[in-house]
């Protein structure tokens, strides 16, 4: 939270941030959400290989539709389960600005698989 409050929020030129493998957890979710909502230059965020879990994914899903400057999000290998992935899929349906969302290495179950299929089908990206 300190890094966001005193560093990243005051940076008006940062366009990419790589926080890969930084021991972030679900408790980091609200801080990441705040960063995305307040830093309007960040277009590429790599959170891969952190234990964000469903809590972190839910925080991302809450803000994803409201941060049109973010075009690339990497949450590979973040211990996200079915509820968190389903929430990201639903958020993606409202976030057409996201051009790249990397998800592999998480625990896809039936709900997340269905949510992504529904989102991609509704956007015309996939035909059933």
Protein backbone atom coordinates (compact mmCIF):
# COMPACT_ATOMS: atom_id res chain seq x y z
CA UNK A 1 0.00 0.00 0.00
CA UNK A 2 2.90 2.36 0.76
CA UNK A 3 4.38 1.89 -2.70
CA UNK A 4 1.05 2.77 -4.29
CA UNK A 5 0.36 5.73 -2.02
CA UNK A 6 3.75 7.36 -2.14
CA UNK A 7 5.17 6.23 -5.44
CA UNK A 8 2.98 4.92 -8.18
CA UNK A 9 0.04 7.29 -7.76
CA UNK A 10 2.32 10.28 -8.20
CA UNK A 11 3.91 8.89 -11.36
CA UNK A 12 2.24 10.39 -14.44
CA UNK A 13 4.27 8.57 -17.07
CA UNK A 14 4.33 4.89 -16.05
CA UNK A 15 2.66 2.81 -18.77
CA UNK A 16 3.81 -0.71 -17.82
CA UNK A 17 4.29 -2.30 -14.41
CA UNK A 18 5.75 -5.77 -13.86
CA UNK A 19 4.95 -7.10 -10.39
CA UNK A 20 5.47 -10.72 -11.41
CA UNK A 21 6.46 -13.05 -8.55
CA UNK A 22 6.42 -10.38 -5.83
CA UNK A 23 4.61 -12.44 -3.18
CA UNK A 24 1.37 -10.50 -3.61
CA UNK A 25 -1.71 -12.13 -2.10
CA UNK A 26 -5.46 -11.67 -2.00
CA UNK A 27 -4.80 -8.95 0.58
CA UNK A 28 -3.07 -6.97 -2.20
CA UNK A 29 -6.33 -6.82 -4.19
CA UNK A 30 -7.67 -3.54 -2.78
CA UNK A 31 -4.29 -1.84 -3.27
CA UNK A 32 -4.09 -3.02 -6.88
CA UNK A 33 -7.67 -1.87 -7.41
CA UNK A 34 -6.75 1.57 -6.05
CA UNK A 35 -3.66 1.74 -8.26
CA UNK A 36 -5.69 0.93 -11.38
CA UNK A 37 -8.41 3.41 -10.54
CA UNK A 38 -6.04 6.28 -9.81
CA UNK A 39 -3.04 5.83 -12.13
CA UNK A 40 -4.49 6.71 -15.53
CA UNK A 41 -1.36 6.05 -17.55
CA UNK A 42 -0.90 2.37 -16.67
CA UNK A 43 -1.85 0.33 -19.73
CA UNK A 44 0.08 -2.91 -19.07
CA UNK A 45 0.01 -4.74 -15.71
CA UNK A 46 1.78 -8.05 -15.07
CA UNK A 47 0.68 -9.71 -11.82
CA UNK A 48 1.63 -13.25 -12.85
CA UNK A 49 3.04 -15.79 -10.39
CA UNK A 50 1.50 -14.16 -7.32
CA UNK A 51 -0.98 -15.84 -4.97
CA UNK A 52 -3.80 -13.37 -5.68
CA UNK A 53 -6.47 -16.06 -5.40
CA UNK A 54 -10.14 -15.33 -5.82
CA UNK A 55 -9.96 -12.27 -3.55
CA UNK A 56 -7.42 -10.55 -5.77
CA UNK A 57 -9.32 -11.52 -8.90
CA UNK A 58 -12.55 -10.14 -7.48
CA UNK A 59 -10.83 -6.81 -6.78
CA UNK A 60 -9.55 -6.73 -10.36
CA UNK A 61 -12.98 -7.64 -11.70
CA UNK A 62 -14.59 -4.79 -9.75
CA UNK A 63 -12.43 -2.15 -11.37
CA UNK A 64 -11.70 -3.63 -14.82
CA UNK A 65 -14.73 -2.08 -16.58
CA UNK A 66 -13.84 1.36 -15.20
CA UNK A 67 -10.18 1.60 -16.22
CA UNK A 68 -10.24 2.09 -20.01
CA UNK A 69 -6.52 2.86 -20.07
CA UNK A 70 -5.65 -0.74 -19.13
CA UNK A 71 -5.26 -2.84 -22.28
CA UNK A 72 -3.09 -5.75 -21.07
CA UNK A 73 -3.47 -7.75 -17.86
CA UNK A 74 -1.42 -10.81 -16.99
CA UNK A 75 -2.68 -12.96 -14.11
CA UNK A 76 -1.07 -16.27 -15.11
CA UNK A 77 -0.36 -18.68 -12.25
CA UNK A 78 -2.11 -16.57 -9.60
CA UNK A 79 -4.01 -19.36 -7.78
CA UNK A 80 -7.32 -18.01 -9.04
CA UNK A 81 -10.20 -20.47 -8.80
CA UNK A 82 -13.56 -20.77 -10.47
CA UNK A 83 -15.26 -17.84 -8.65
CA UNK A 84 -12.46 -15.36 -9.38
CA UNK A 85 -12.11 -16.43 -13.01
CA UNK A 86 -15.88 -16.23 -13.54
CA UNK A 87 -15.85 -12.70 -12.10
CA UNK A 88 -13.02 -11.71 -14.48
CA UNK A 89 -14.99 -13.13 -17.40
CA UNK A 90 -18.05 -11.10 -16.47
CA UNK A 91 -15.93 -7.96 -16.04
CA UNK A 92 -14.33 -8.60 -19.42
CA UNK A 93 -17.76 -8.43 -21.06
CA UNK A 94 -17.89 -4.79 -19.91
CA UNK A 95 -14.26 -4.01 -20.68
CA UNK A 96 -13.80 -4.02 -24.46
CA UNK A 97 -10.64 -1.94 -24.01
CA UNK A 98 -8.79 -5.01 -22.68
CA UNK A 99 -6.97 -6.50 -25.66
CA UNK A 100 -4.86 -9.08 -23.84
CA UNK A 101 -5.82 -11.07 -20.75
CA UNK A 102 -3.48 -13.92 -19.86
CA UNK A 103 -4.98 -16.49 -17.53
CA UNK A 104 -3.29 -19.86 -17.92
CA UNK A 105 -2.06 -21.68 -14.86
CA UNK A 106 -5.19 -20.96 -12.81
CA UNK A 107 -7.94 -23.37 -11.70
CA UNK A 108 -10.62 -23.23 -14.37
CA UNK A 109 -13.78 -25.08 -13.41
CA UNK A 110 -17.20 -25.31 -15.04
CA UNK A 111 -18.43 -21.87 -13.92
CA UNK A 112 -15.36 -20.01 -15.22
CA UNK A 113 -15.31 -21.98 -18.46
CA UNK A 114 -18.97 -21.20 -19.07
CA UNK A 115 -18.52 -17.52 -18.14
CA UNK A 116 -15.64 -17.10 -20.61
CA UNK A 117 -17.52 -18.95 -23.34
CA UNK A 118 -20.58 -16.72 -22.77
CA UNK A 119 -18.46 -13.54 -22.79
CA UNK A 120 -16.53 -14.46 -25.91
CA UNK A 121 -19.67 -15.65 -27.72
CA UNK A 122 -21.56 -12.46 -26.82
CA UNK A 123 -18.67 -10.36 -28.15
CA UNK A 124 -18.68 -12.30 -31.41
CA UNK A 125 -15.16 -13.62 -30.81
CA UNK A 126 -16.24 -17.28 -30.68
CA UNK A 127 -19.09 -19.12 -32.31
CA UNK A 128 -20.67 -21.91 -30.23
